[in-house]
Amino acid sequence: MKTGRVPSAHWCPSPNFGPRPDGANISLLVVHNISLPPGQFGGPEIEEFFCNRLDHSAHPYFQTIAGIQVSAHLLIRRDGSLVQFVSLLDRAWHAGRSCFAGQEECNDFSIGIELEGTDEIPYTPEQYRALAEVTELIMFAWPDITSDRITGHCDIAPGRKSDPGPSFDWAYFREVLRTARSSRRSV
């Protein structure tokens, strides 16, 4: 992780990032969801949106997000495949105005992972497995990201954001993560 790149992820660099502030300690992982158009999966629109190439005339919803520049470090597709937009060493633009444990501006000290999905549609087993595996790698590289420093976008921006939503099974994710962490320790 010295380069900030996840080896198993397809690299799709976004221009929507910047350096972390001096002294910023990566210590939080934020789980999000996204689908474009909402509720539709599998197309190139998420990558196009995060790379500022989305054709805003292609769907009425896209007109509502025209001009917005955002990114995440990683996207986990429905089949569990990973796409990386920003080096984990850099500051992705995923959290917006946010606060965790009294610390403002979560983008400065967090890693953002998007799941292709919605608040209402259950995530796939492949997504949970991929999320647990990449989370384990991240926790190994940044030990300040502990189990209690993995949170949802809804928790750092309450009232403004609702993702990953009620369809995200935190108990199941934590069990899959425990299994991934046990596997690494036994190697």
Protein backbone atom coordinates (compact mmCIF):
# COMPACT_ATOMS: atom_id res chain seq x y z
CA MET A 1 0.00 0.00 0.00
CA LYS A 2 3.04 2.26 -0.24
CA THR A 3 1.67 3.69 -3.49
CA GLY A 4 -1.88 3.96 -2.15
CA ARG A 5 -3.08 1.66 -4.90
CA VAL A 6 -5.03 -1.55 -4.24
CA PRO A 7 -3.42 -4.23 -6.42
CA SER A 8 -6.69 -5.98 -7.32
CA ALA A 9 -8.51 -2.78 -8.34
CA HIS A 10 -8.95 -1.46 -11.86
CA TRP A 11 -7.36 2.01 -11.94
CA CYS A 12 -9.67 4.76 -13.23
CA PRO A 13 -8.06 8.01 -12.07
CA SER A 14 -10.35 10.84 -11.04
CA PRO A 15 -9.28 14.48 -11.11
CA ASN A 16 -11.46 15.07 -8.03
CA PHE A 17 -8.93 14.76 -5.22
CA GLY A 18 -6.23 16.69 -3.43
CA PRO A 19 -3.49 16.27 -0.89
CA ARG A 20 -4.38 15.49 2.69
CA PRO A 21 -3.60 18.31 5.11
CA ASP A 22 -0.16 18.19 6.73
CA GLY A 23 -0.24 15.85 9.70
CA ALA A 24 -3.52 14.21 8.71
CA ASN A 25 -3.65 10.70 10.10
CA ILE A 26 -5.70 8.21 8.05
CA SER A 27 -7.94 6.80 10.75
CA LEU A 28 -11.47 6.31 9.38
CA LEU A 29 -13.17 4.22 6.71
CA VAL A 30 -16.50 5.45 5.33
CA VAL A 31 -18.95 3.17 3.50
CA HIS A 32 -21.20 4.78 0.86
CA ASN A 33 -23.51 3.66 -1.93
CA ILE A 34 -24.08 4.94 -5.43
CA SER A 35 -25.97 3.91 -8.54
CA LEU A 36 -26.40 5.88 -11.73
CA PRO A 37 -29.09 6.30 -12.80
CA PRO A 38 -30.52 5.61 -9.33
CA GLY A 39 -31.37 1.93 -8.91
CA GLN A 40 -29.61 0.85 -12.11
CA PHE A 41 -26.42 -1.17 -12.01
CA GLY A 42 -23.60 -2.24 -14.28
CA GLY A 43 -23.14 0.74 -16.58
CA PRO A 44 -20.16 3.08 -16.95
CA GLU A 45 -21.96 6.08 -15.45
CA ILE A 46 -20.35 5.95 -11.99
CA GLU A 47 -16.86 6.01 -13.47
CA GLU A 48 -17.91 8.77 -15.86
CA PHE A 49 -19.38 10.82 -12.98
CA PHE A 50 -16.31 10.47 -10.75
CA CYS A 51 -14.07 11.41 -13.70
CA ASN A 52 -16.19 14.44 -14.77
CA ARG A 53 -17.14 12.81 -18.08
CA LEU A 54 -20.84 12.03 -17.46
CA ASP A 55 -23.16 13.03 -20.30
CA HIS A 56 -25.74 15.01 -18.34
CA SER A 57 -28.21 14.88 -21.23
CA ALA A 58 -28.30 11.05 -21.21
CA HIS A 59 -30.81 10.78 -18.33
CA PRO A 60 -33.06 13.32 -16.55
CA TYR A 61 -31.47 12.51 -13.17
CA PHE A 62 -28.02 13.40 -14.49
CA GLN A 63 -29.15 16.99 -14.95
CA THR A 64 -29.65 17.23 -11.17
CA ILE A 65 -25.98 16.37 -10.55
CA ALA A 66 -24.47 18.45 -13.35
CA GLY A 67 -21.46 20.41 -12.16
CA ILE A 68 -20.93 18.32 -9.03
CA GLN A 69 -17.36 17.12 -8.67
CA VAL A 70 -16.96 14.16 -6.32
CA SER A 71 -14.96 10.98 -6.05
CA ALA A 72 -14.25 8.08 -3.76
CA HIS A 73 -11.16 6.05 -3.27
CA LEU A 74 -12.83 2.81 -4.33
CA LEU A 75 -16.03 1.46 -5.88
CA ILE A 76 -17.17 -2.12 -5.33
CA ARG A 77 -19.38 -3.34 -8.16
CA ARG A 78 -22.27 -5.79 -7.63
CA ASP A 79 -20.00 -8.67 -8.73
CA GLY A 80 -17.36 -7.69 -6.15
CA SER A 81 -14.91 -6.18 -8.63
CA LEU A 82 -12.99 -3.11 -7.49
CA VAL A 83 -12.45 0.19 -9.27
CA GLN A 84 -10.03 2.70 -7.77
CA PHE A 85 -10.32 6.42 -8.48
CA VAL A 86 -7.95 8.05 -5.99
CA SER A 87 -4.80 6.85 -4.24
CA LEU A 88 -5.54 5.96 -0.64
CA LEU A 89 -2.74 8.36 0.28
CA ASP A 90 -4.68 11.30 -1.17
CA ARG A 91 -7.87 13.08 -0.11
CA ALA A 92 -10.87 11.93 -2.16
CA TRP A 93 -13.99 14.09 -2.25
CA HIS A 94 -16.52 11.61 -0.83
CA ALA A 95 -17.74 12.78 2.57
CA GLY A 96 -18.60 16.45 2.09
CA ARG A 97 -19.43 18.37 5.26
CA SER A 98 -19.00 15.71 7.90
CA CYS A 99 -17.96 14.95 11.46
CA PHE A 100 -16.78 11.80 13.24
CA ALA A 101 -16.12 11.68 17.00
CA GLY A 102 -15.94 15.46 17.12
CA GLN A 103 -13.47 15.74 14.25
CA GLU A 104 -14.76 17.80 11.30
CA GLU A 105 -14.02 17.34 7.58
CA CYS A 106 -13.78 13.56 7.37
CA ASN A 107 -12.29 13.66 3.87
CA ASP A 108 -9.05 14.83 5.48
CA PHE A 109 -8.52 11.62 7.49
CA SER A 110 -10.73 8.97 5.88
CA ILE A 111 -10.87 6.48 3.07
CA GLY A 112 -14.18 6.36 1.17
CA ILE A 113 -15.54 3.18 -0.37
CA GLU A 114 -18.65 3.23 -2.55
CA LEU A 115 -20.81 0.15 -2.98
CA GLU A 116 -22.79 -0.04 -6.20
CA GLY A 117 -26.26 -0.07 -4.73
CA THR A 118 -29.07 1.81 -3.06
CA ASP A 119 -30.35 2.26 0.47
CA GLU A 120 -33.19 -0.20 -0.20
CA ILE A 121 -31.75 -2.98 -2.38
CA PRO A 122 -29.69 -5.63 -0.55
CA TYR A 123 -25.99 -5.72 -1.36
CA THR A 124 -24.51 -8.89 -2.80
CA PRO A 125 -22.39 -11.48 -0.97
CA GLU A 126 -19.61 -10.65 -3.43
CA GLN A 127 -19.71 -7.01 -2.33
CA TYR A 128 -19.49 -7.91 1.35
CA ARG A 129 -16.59 -10.25 0.65
CA ALA A 130 -14.73 -7.65 -1.44
CA LEU A 131 -15.43 -4.93 1.13
CA ALA A 132 -14.13 -7.13 3.95
CA GLU A 133 -10.99 -8.06 2.01
CA VAL A 134 -10.10 -4.49 1.05
CA THR A 135 -11.00 -3.25 4.55
CA GLU A 136 -8.64 -5.82 6.04
CA LEU A 137 -5.82 -4.61 3.75
CA ILE A 138 -6.55 -1.00 4.71
CA MET A 139 -6.65 -1.81 8.43
CA PHE A 140 -3.31 -3.59 8.13
CA ALA A 141 -1.75 -0.58 6.36
CA TRP A 142 -3.39 2.00 8.67
CA PRO A 143 -3.82 0.43 12.12
CA ASP A 144 -5.63 3.52 13.43
CA ILE A 145 -8.61 2.33 11.39
CA THR A 146 -10.10 -0.01 13.95
CA SER A 147 -13.46 -1.77 13.82
CA ASP A 148 -15.09 1.11 15.66
CA ARG A 149 -13.69 3.57 13.09
CA ILE A 150 -15.60 2.01 10.17
CA THR A 151 -18.82 3.92 9.61
CA GLY A 152 -21.50 4.84 7.12
CA HIS A 153 -21.88 8.14 5.29
CA CYS A 154 -25.18 8.53 7.14
CA ASP A 155 -23.32 8.51 10.46
CA ILE A 156 -20.86 11.30 9.59
CA ALA A 157 -23.40 13.48 7.76
CA PRO A 158 -26.71 12.73 9.52
CA GLY A 159 -29.75 14.40 8.06
CA ARG A 160 -27.84 15.08 4.85
CA LYS A 161 -26.91 11.54 3.79
CA SER A 162 -28.59 8.17 4.26
CA ASP A 163 -26.14 5.73 2.69
CA PRO A 164 -25.27 2.90 2.83
CA GLY A 165 -28.83 2.67 4.10
CA PRO A 166 -30.91 0.07 5.90
CA SER A 167 -30.11 -2.51 3.22
CA PHE A 168 -26.48 -2.64 4.44
CA ASP A 169 -26.11 -5.47 6.96
CA TRP A 170 -23.48 -4.20 9.40
CA ALA A 171 -23.54 -7.39 11.51
CA TYR A 172 -22.95 -9.58 8.45
CA PHE A 173 -20.19 -7.28 7.19
CA ARG A 174 -18.41 -7.36 10.56
CA GLU A 175 -18.59 -11.16 10.61
CA VAL A 176 -17.11 -11.39 7.08
CA LEU A 177 -14.44 -8.89 8.14
CA ARG A 178 -13.57 -10.95 11.25
CA THR A 179 -13.13 -13.97 8.98
CA ALA A 180 -10.87 -12.01 6.60
CA ARG A 181 -8.79 -10.69 9.50
CA SER A 182 -8.46 -14.19 11.00
CA SER A 183 -7.32 -15.55 7.65
CA ARG A 184 -4.54 -12.93 7.42
CA ARG A 185 -3.35 -13.65 10.97
CA SER A 186 -3.15 -17.39 10.29
CA VAL A 187 -0.98 -16.93 7.18
